[in-house]
Amino acid sequence: MRWGALARLTVAAIAICPSFASADLDEHNYLPSVLNHLQKAKSALESGQDGLAVAHSRMILHDQGIRVFIDLSETPSSLQESCRKAALKAVETWNETLGAGSLNLVDTAGAAEARIVFSKEVLLRGVQVGGYCAQSRSVSFSTNGSAVGTYSATIYSRYQLPSGQLLSDDCLVNVVTHEIGHMYGLNDCADSSHLMGALNPSKPKTDLQADELEALRQLRLMAFEIQRTIDARSKGN
């Protein structure tokens, strides 16, 4: 089930049962930093700081879209086309999942909020990994007192296993699609059959499982409900 249908279900759930958005999330499914923004959005909403609540909710939803640059500067020329296609496929998957325009490709790194980099090896705290997403979410105040959210990310994806074997095209897609999941707040999963599980080169995954989609829906439902409440408040409803 793609987000085209999932988005409609989310809107319907808010309209029919707005109290759903106050339900408890299974925190294991989400990155702590994202849950922190959700809590800050709720607190700001309760204290009447609507602009601050919206800014924090956008660090979850990325509802203004994320500009993405595919960086092949560390990729051998013989592998650049495969890596580029893998990145494009991952972006397409998430745009199908969340809606067109969620991820928007740009031609220069300077214009991007997120980069996808392909390297021979990827180390995380000294350990070889398939990939990882280094990202930063923050909310600050501009000179005019408005709350402003800032987001940046770099996805590192390896194209070669430590053994020297090149990753298959599907494995490349698996790694990038998984790391984009972190951009939208999903945590790693212990189940290797899931997209957010560890990379299994013999069984690559390129789609979210039903429970992963549901976890994503619940998180976004809460953030959408915060924005819906603010919109209704501004209209005097």
Protein backbone atom coordinates (compact mmCIF):
# COMPACT_ATOMS: atom_id res chain seq x y z
CA MET A 1 0.00 0.00 0.00
CA ARG A 2 1.49 3.32 -1.07
CA TRP A 3 1.10 6.66 0.65
CA GLY A 4 -1.28 7.92 -2.02
CA ALA A 5 -3.87 5.69 -0.36
CA LEU A 6 -2.25 6.06 3.06
CA ALA A 7 -2.51 9.84 2.97
CA ARG A 8 -6.24 9.63 2.28
CA LEU A 9 -6.67 7.21 5.16
CA THR A 10 -4.75 9.59 7.43
CA VAL A 11 -6.96 12.54 6.53
CA ALA A 12 -10.05 10.40 7.01
CA ALA A 13 -8.83 9.23 10.42
CA ILE A 14 -8.34 12.83 11.56
CA ALA A 15 -11.79 13.84 10.36
CA ILE A 16 -13.59 10.85 11.85
CA CYS A 17 -11.62 10.38 15.05
CA PRO A 18 -9.36 13.32 15.87
CA SER A 19 -8.63 11.85 19.32
CA PHE A 20 -6.60 9.17 17.53
CA ALA A 21 -3.77 11.68 17.33
CA SER A 22 -3.45 11.66 21.11
CA ALA A 23 -2.83 7.89 21.18
CA ASP A 24 0.53 6.62 22.41
CA LEU A 25 3.18 5.73 19.86
CA ASP A 26 5.44 2.73 20.11
CA GLU A 27 8.58 4.76 20.67
CA HIS A 28 10.87 1.95 19.48
CA ASN A 29 9.70 2.63 15.91
CA TYR A 30 11.00 6.19 15.83
CA LEU A 31 14.20 8.17 16.17
CA PRO A 32 14.45 9.92 19.57
CA SER A 33 15.17 13.25 17.88
CA VAL A 34 11.88 13.05 15.98
CA LEU A 35 9.92 12.15 19.10
CA ASN A 36 11.56 15.14 20.78
CA HIS A 37 10.22 17.47 18.07
CA LEU A 38 6.78 15.88 18.39
CA GLN A 39 6.76 16.50 22.14
CA LYS A 40 7.94 20.08 21.68
CA ALA A 41 5.22 20.64 19.05
CA LYS A 42 2.58 19.36 21.48
CA SER A 43 3.90 21.54 24.31
CA ALA A 44 3.99 24.62 22.09
CA LEU A 45 0.43 23.92 20.95
CA GLU A 46 -0.78 23.63 24.53
CA SER A 47 0.90 26.92 25.47
CA GLY A 48 -0.58 28.77 22.49
CA GLN A 49 2.74 29.13 20.62
CA ASP A 50 1.25 28.13 17.29
CA GLY A 51 4.17 29.20 15.11
CA LEU A 52 6.59 27.22 17.24
CA ALA A 53 4.31 24.18 17.14
CA VAL A 54 4.14 24.33 13.34
CA ALA A 55 7.93 24.65 13.04
CA HIS A 56 8.48 21.55 15.18
CA SER A 57 5.78 19.60 13.30
CA ARG A 58 7.55 20.37 10.03
CA MET A 59 10.71 18.74 11.36
CA ILE A 60 8.61 15.54 11.36
CA LEU A 61 6.50 15.95 8.25
CA HIS A 62 8.90 17.80 5.94
CA ASP A 63 5.65 18.97 4.38
CA GLN A 64 7.39 21.67 2.35
CA GLY A 65 9.49 19.04 0.60
CA ILE A 66 13.17 18.15 0.85
CA ARG A 67 15.64 19.15 -1.85
CA VAL A 68 17.96 16.24 -2.66
CA PHE A 69 21.29 16.11 -4.49
CA ILE A 70 22.82 12.84 -5.75
CA ASP A 71 26.56 13.13 -5.10
CA LEU A 72 28.64 10.77 -7.24
CA SER A 73 31.97 12.48 -6.60
CA GLU A 74 33.27 9.47 -4.64
CA THR A 75 31.86 6.90 -7.08
CA PRO A 76 33.93 5.30 -9.89
CA SER A 77 32.68 6.31 -13.33
CA SER A 78 31.85 2.67 -14.12
CA LEU A 79 29.37 2.57 -11.21
CA GLN A 80 27.90 6.05 -11.41
CA GLU A 81 24.94 5.13 -13.57
CA SER A 82 23.93 2.21 -11.33
CA CYS A 83 24.23 4.37 -8.22
CA ARG A 84 22.32 7.24 -9.79
CA LYS A 85 19.50 4.91 -10.84
CA ALA A 86 19.37 3.39 -7.35
CA ALA A 87 19.05 6.85 -5.79
CA LEU A 88 16.36 7.81 -8.28
CA LYS A 89 14.44 4.60 -7.53
CA ALA A 90 14.63 5.26 -3.77
CA VAL A 91 13.42 8.84 -4.24
CA GLU A 92 10.60 7.61 -6.49
CA THR A 93 9.55 5.03 -3.87
CA TRP A 94 9.30 7.66 -1.16
CA ASN A 95 7.47 10.11 -3.42
CA GLU A 96 4.97 7.34 -4.16
CA THR A 97 4.74 6.62 -0.44
CA LEU A 98 4.40 10.19 0.86
CA GLY A 99 3.16 12.07 -2.18
CA ALA A 100 4.71 13.75 -5.22
CA GLY A 101 7.11 16.54 -4.34
CA SER A 102 8.11 15.10 -0.97
CA LEU A 103 11.65 14.70 -2.31
CA ASN A 104 12.79 17.07 -5.08
CA LEU A 105 16.02 16.49 -6.98
CA VAL A 106 18.35 19.47 -7.47
CA ASP A 107 21.46 19.85 -9.65
CA THR A 108 23.88 21.29 -7.10
CA ALA A 109 24.85 20.37 -3.56
CA GLY A 110 24.50 23.99 -2.49
CA ALA A 111 20.80 23.97 -3.35
CA ALA A 112 20.13 20.76 -1.43
CA GLU A 113 18.99 20.03 2.09
CA ALA A 114 19.94 16.37 1.72
CA ARG A 115 22.76 14.66 -0.17
CA ILE A 116 23.05 11.02 -1.21
CA VAL A 117 26.71 10.01 -1.35
CA PHE A 118 28.01 6.66 -2.66
CA SER A 119 31.37 5.49 -1.30
CA LYS A 120 33.57 2.39 -1.39
CA GLU A 121 33.14 1.92 2.35
CA VAL A 122 30.99 3.45 5.04
CA LEU A 123 32.06 3.49 8.68
CA LEU A 124 29.83 4.39 11.60
CA ARG A 125 31.74 4.81 14.86
CA GLY A 126 34.50 2.67 13.37
CA VAL A 127 32.18 -0.16 12.28
CA GLN A 128 31.56 -1.15 8.66
CA VAL A 129 27.89 -0.55 7.76
CA GLY A 130 25.81 -0.61 4.60
CA GLY A 131 24.95 3.03 5.03
CA TYR A 132 23.86 5.65 7.48
CA CYS A 133 22.09 8.98 7.57
CA ALA A 134 23.76 11.90 9.33
CA GLN A 135 21.08 14.49 9.89
CA SER A 136 20.24 17.58 11.90
CA ARG A 137 16.83 18.98 12.85
CA SER A 138 16.54 22.25 14.74
CA VAL A 139 14.08 25.02 15.42
CA SER A 140 15.23 28.55 16.19
CA PHE A 141 13.83 32.06 16.14
CA SER A 142 14.49 34.59 13.39
CA THR A 143 15.17 38.27 14.05
CA ASN A 144 11.47 39.04 13.74
CA GLY A 145 10.61 36.43 16.37
CA SER A 146 9.22 33.79 13.99
CA ALA A 147 10.03 30.14 14.65
CA VAL A 148 12.05 28.63 11.82
CA GLY A 149 12.91 24.97 11.29
CA THR A 150 16.21 23.95 9.72
CA TYR A 151 16.94 20.49 8.35
CA SER A 152 19.99 18.95 6.70
CA ALA A 153 21.03 15.38 5.98
CA THR A 154 23.71 13.37 4.26
CA ILE A 155 23.03 9.76 3.33
CA TYR A 156 26.14 7.64 2.98
CA SER A 157 25.70 4.44 0.97
CA ARG A 158 28.44 1.96 0.20
CA TYR A 159 28.63 0.43 -3.27
CA GLN A 160 31.00 -2.38 -2.31
CA LEU A 161 30.96 -4.97 0.47
CA PRO A 162 34.05 -5.34 2.72
CA SER A 163 34.81 -8.53 0.75
CA GLY A 164 35.22 -6.45 -2.39
CA GLN A 165 31.98 -7.69 -3.96
CA LEU A 166 29.91 -4.94 -5.53
CA LEU A 167 26.43 -4.42 -4.18
CA SER A 168 23.65 -5.40 -6.57
CA ASP A 169 21.34 -2.74 -7.95
CA ASP A 170 18.57 -3.89 -5.60
CA CYS A 171 20.94 -3.68 -2.62
CA LEU A 172 21.87 -0.12 -3.56
CA VAL A 173 18.18 0.76 -3.69
CA ASN A 174 17.67 -1.02 -0.35
CA VAL A 175 20.36 1.03 1.40
CA VAL A 176 19.22 4.43 0.12
CA THR A 177 15.52 3.72 0.64
CA HIS A 178 16.27 2.58 4.21
CA GLU A 179 18.29 5.71 4.98
CA ILE A 180 15.56 7.99 3.62
CA GLY A 181 13.29 6.24 6.11
CA HIS A 182 15.46 7.77 8.84
CA MET A 183 14.91 11.20 7.32
CA TYR A 184 11.19 10.68 7.91
CA GLY A 185 11.73 9.57 11.50
CA LEU A 186 11.70 5.77 11.34
CA ASN A 187 14.18 3.94 13.55
CA ASP A 188 16.15 0.80 12.75
CA CYS A 189 14.25 -2.46 13.08
CA ALA A 190 15.55 -5.77 14.48
CA ASP A 191 13.62 -7.75 11.84
CA SER A 192 15.88 -8.21 8.80
CA SER A 193 12.82 -8.87 6.61
CA HIS A 194 11.80 -5.22 7.02
CA LEU A 195 13.10 -2.27 5.05
CA MET A 196 14.29 -0.63 8.27
CA GLY A 197 16.10 -3.84 9.25
CA ALA A 198 19.76 -4.53 8.55
CA LEU A 199 20.89 -5.00 4.96
CA ASN A 200 20.89 -8.63 3.84
CA PRO A 201 22.74 -8.68 0.49
CA SER A 202 21.07 -11.96 -0.49
CA LYS A 203 17.55 -10.63 0.23
CA PRO A 204 17.39 -6.89 -0.49
CA LYS A 205 14.18 -5.01 0.43
CA THR A 206 12.92 -1.97 -1.40
CA ASP A 207 9.47 -1.41 0.14
CA LEU A 208 8.11 -0.73 3.61
CA GLN A 209 6.20 -3.57 5.25
CA ALA A 210 2.62 -3.00 6.38
CA ASP A 211 3.56 -2.42 10.02
CA GLU A 212 6.27 0.05 8.99
CA LEU A 213 3.73 1.96 6.92
CA GLU A 214 1.36 1.97 9.87
CA ALA A 215 4.08 3.29 12.19
CA LEU A 216 4.81 6.04 9.68
CA ARG A 217 1.10 6.84 9.39
CA GLN A 218 0.67 7.13 13.14
CA LEU A 219 3.61 9.50 13.52
CA ARG A 220 2.47 11.70 10.67
CA LEU A 221 -1.12 11.59 11.87
CA MET A 222 -0.07 13.16 15.16
CA ALA A 223 1.92 15.90 13.43
CA PHE A 224 -0.91 16.56 10.95
CA GLU A 225 -3.38 16.83 13.82
CA ILE A 226 -1.26 19.52 15.47
CA GLN A 227 -1.32 21.54 12.26
CA ARG A 228 -5.05 20.90 11.79
CA THR A 229 -5.75 22.16 15.32
CA ILE A 230 -3.74 25.33 14.68
CA ASP A 231 -5.54 25.90 11.38
CA ALA A 232 -8.92 25.50 13.06
CA ARG A 233 -7.86 27.83 15.88
CA SER A 234 -6.78 30.52 13.40
CA LYS A 235 -10.21 30.33 11.73
CA GLY A 236 -11.96 30.64 15.08
CA ASN A 237 -13.38 27.10 14.96
